[in-house]
Amino acid sequence: MGGGFLSPLSIFLLVAALHLLDRLLEFVKKRGSRSGEQRRLREEINKLLKEASSLSTPSTFAQAAKLRRLAAAKEKELVRNQEENNKEKSYDSYARVLMISKVLIYAGLIWLFWSIPVAAVPQHLLQPFDIFLESWRCYQWPSHGWNNTMASFDFSNQQVLV
């Protein structure tokens, strides 16, 4: 499997692309729509809150409270506007399709590479664990010629494939 379609580099690029698509979808979903009206409302809210915070004397308390109430009303209007935009642009279906495709691709890769060892360890490093590793060997199926094991140990060629 050195230079074909399923080379390590192509698998890495596939997994990285899926991860980046997931992050991009999350970013777009979180950011939402940045329309001019929403931007204008945010600027007005910030301006009103700054004015209200600058009015801190007892004689201007009523005016500051009025500005804070006006800012709260504008925040409610902004939330309503954002909810309307979120209803229009729903990214849930895209997220669901991406999740299903990720699950299918990862399951396919696991199924394809299930029998391929992931590490080769020299036998001299594993000699203290000989008895423990031998206990991991499973029953050899005589009719099929394969064994049902999570790790394959071949002590004849001076290395162990895990």
Protein backbone atom coordinates (compact mmCIF):
# COMPACT_ATOMS: atom_id res chain seq x y z
CA MET A 1 0.00 0.00 0.00
CA GLY A 2 2.95 2.30 -0.57
CA GLY A 3 2.06 4.75 -3.33
CA GLY A 4 -1.53 4.07 -4.27
CA PHE A 5 -4.78 5.79 -3.42
CA LEU A 6 -4.58 4.63 0.20
CA SER A 7 -1.03 5.72 0.91
CA PRO A 8 -0.37 7.11 4.37
CA LEU A 9 -0.14 10.64 2.98
CA SER A 10 -3.50 10.42 1.22
CA ILE A 11 -5.16 8.98 4.34
CA PHE A 12 -3.67 11.79 6.43
CA LEU A 13 -4.90 14.40 3.94
CA LEU A 14 -8.37 12.84 3.92
CA VAL A 15 -8.62 12.86 7.71
CA ALA A 16 -7.23 16.42 7.86
CA ALA A 17 -9.76 17.58 5.24
CA LEU A 18 -12.64 16.03 7.17
CA HIS A 19 -11.41 17.70 10.36
CA LEU A 20 -11.06 21.08 8.66
CA LEU A 21 -14.53 20.80 7.12
CA ASP A 22 -15.93 20.07 10.57
CA ARG A 23 -14.15 23.12 12.05
CA LEU A 24 -15.23 25.34 9.14
CA LEU A 25 -18.86 24.31 9.53
CA GLU A 26 -18.67 24.96 13.28
CA PHE A 27 -17.12 28.40 12.66
CA VAL A 28 -19.74 29.38 10.08
CA LYS A 29 -22.52 28.14 12.34
CA LYS A 30 -21.20 30.08 15.34
CA ARG A 31 -20.49 33.24 13.39
CA GLY A 32 -23.89 33.30 11.78
CA SER A 33 -25.00 36.03 9.49
CA ARG A 34 -23.28 39.39 9.81
CA SER A 35 -25.74 41.55 7.98
CA GLY A 36 -25.57 45.33 7.95
CA GLU A 37 -28.64 45.65 10.16
CA GLN A 38 -27.15 43.40 12.83
CA ARG A 39 -23.87 45.30 12.72
CA ARG A 40 -25.75 48.60 13.06
CA LEU A 41 -27.72 47.28 16.04
CA ARG A 42 -24.52 46.12 17.78
CA GLU A 43 -22.93 49.54 17.27
CA GLU A 44 -26.00 51.29 18.67
CA ILE A 45 -26.08 48.98 21.70
CA ASN A 46 -22.40 49.62 22.43
CA LYS A 47 -22.88 53.38 22.01
CA LEU A 48 -25.89 53.43 24.36
CA LEU A 49 -24.07 51.37 27.00
CA LYS A 50 -21.02 53.67 26.84
CA GLU A 51 -23.22 56.72 27.27
CA ALA A 52 -25.04 55.09 30.18
CA SER A 53 -21.79 54.18 31.93
CA SER A 54 -20.46 57.73 31.53
CA LEU A 55 -23.53 59.09 33.36
CA SER A 56 -22.70 58.06 36.91
CA THR A 57 -23.82 60.99 39.02
CA PRO A 58 -27.08 60.83 41.04
CA SER A 59 -28.61 63.66 39.01
CA THR A 60 -28.20 61.74 35.72
CA PHE A 61 -29.33 58.36 37.09
CA ALA A 62 -32.72 58.51 35.36
CA GLN A 63 -31.16 59.27 32.00
CA ALA A 64 -28.64 56.42 32.42
CA ALA A 65 -31.43 53.99 33.34
CA LYS A 66 -33.39 55.09 30.26
CA LEU A 67 -30.33 54.46 28.05
CA ARG A 68 -29.83 51.00 29.60
CA ARG A 69 -33.48 50.09 28.97
CA LEU A 70 -33.16 51.27 25.38
CA ALA A 71 -30.00 49.15 24.97
CA ALA A 72 -31.81 46.11 26.43
CA ALA A 73 -34.68 46.61 23.96
CA LYS A 74 -32.21 46.80 21.08
CA GLU A 75 -30.50 43.62 22.33
CA LYS A 76 -33.86 41.84 22.26
CA GLU A 77 -34.40 43.09 18.71
CA LEU A 78 -30.94 41.83 17.74
CA VAL A 79 -31.65 38.39 19.24
CA ARG A 80 -34.95 38.21 17.35
CA ASN A 81 -33.18 39.17 14.14
CA GLN A 82 -30.49 36.51 14.68
CA GLU A 83 -33.11 33.83 15.39
CA GLU A 84 -34.86 34.64 12.13
CA ASN A 85 -31.58 34.33 10.25
CA ASN A 86 -30.78 31.04 11.97
CA LYS A 87 -34.12 29.62 10.92
CA GLU A 88 -33.42 30.63 7.34
CA LYS A 89 -29.89 29.22 7.27
CA SER A 90 -29.85 25.92 9.03
CA TYR A 91 -26.50 24.16 8.99
CA ASP A 92 -27.77 21.12 10.88
CA SER A 93 -28.32 19.09 7.73
CA TYR A 94 -24.75 19.82 6.58
CA ALA A 95 -23.39 18.81 9.97
CA ARG A 96 -25.40 15.58 9.90
CA VAL A 97 -24.16 14.67 6.39
CA LEU A 98 -20.58 15.42 7.40
CA MET A 99 -20.87 13.27 10.54
CA ILE A 100 -22.35 10.34 8.63
CA SER A 101 -19.65 10.54 5.97
CA LYS A 102 -16.93 10.73 8.63
CA VAL A 103 -18.31 7.64 10.37
CA LEU A 104 -18.52 5.71 7.09
CA ILE A 105 -15.02 6.72 5.97
CA TYR A 106 -13.44 5.93 9.35
CA ALA A 107 -15.27 2.59 9.56
CA GLY A 108 -14.10 1.73 6.05
CA LEU A 109 -10.50 2.60 6.88
CA ILE A 110 -10.63 0.54 10.06
CA TRP A 111 -12.11 -2.41 8.18
CA LEU A 112 -9.48 -2.10 5.43
CA PHE A 113 -6.48 -1.85 7.75
CA TRP A 114 -7.69 -4.15 10.55
CA SER A 115 -5.26 -6.97 9.83
CA ILE A 116 -2.19 -4.77 9.22
CA PRO A 117 0.23 -4.52 12.17
CA VAL A 118 0.81 -1.04 13.55
CA ALA A 119 4.20 -1.67 15.16
CA ALA A 120 7.16 -4.05 14.96
CA VAL A 121 9.00 -4.44 18.26
CA PRO A 122 12.35 -6.27 18.51
CA GLN A 123 12.11 -9.47 20.53
CA HIS A 124 14.92 -8.57 22.95
CA LEU A 125 12.79 -5.69 24.26
CA LEU A 126 9.89 -8.02 24.98
CA GLN A 127 11.79 -10.93 26.60
CA PRO A 128 10.76 -9.96 30.14
CA PHE A 129 7.13 -10.23 29.05
CA ASP A 130 7.37 -13.60 27.23
CA ILE A 131 4.93 -15.45 29.49
CA PHE A 132 2.41 -12.62 29.41
CA LEU A 133 2.57 -12.30 25.62
CA GLU A 134 2.26 -16.04 25.09
CA SER A 135 -0.98 -15.98 27.10
CA TRP A 136 -2.44 -13.57 24.50
CA ARG A 137 -2.29 -16.19 21.76
CA CYS A 138 -5.71 -17.47 20.83
CA TYR A 139 -7.04 -20.78 19.62
CA GLN A 140 -5.94 -21.60 16.05
CA TRP A 141 -9.00 -22.44 13.96
CA PRO A 142 -7.99 -25.59 12.09
CA SER A 143 -10.57 -25.31 9.32
CA HIS A 144 -9.99 -21.65 8.46
CA GLY A 145 -6.26 -21.26 9.06
CA TRP A 146 -6.60 -17.93 10.88
CA ASN A 147 -6.54 -17.03 14.52
CA ASN A 148 -8.80 -14.66 16.36
CA THR A 149 -6.37 -12.38 18.17
CA MET A 150 -5.78 -8.70 18.79
CA ALA A 151 -2.01 -9.01 18.47
CA SER A 152 0.13 -11.26 16.34
CA PHE A 153 3.39 -12.52 17.84
CA ASP A 154 5.95 -14.14 15.61
CA PHE A 155 8.96 -15.05 17.76
CA SER A 156 10.79 -16.87 14.95
CA ASN A 157 12.10 -13.83 13.07
CA GLN A 158 13.31 -11.86 16.09
CA GLN A 159 10.50 -9.28 16.07
CA VAL A 160 6.94 -9.04 17.28
CA LEU A 161 4.17 -7.48 15.20
CA VAL A 162 1.47 -5.78 17.24
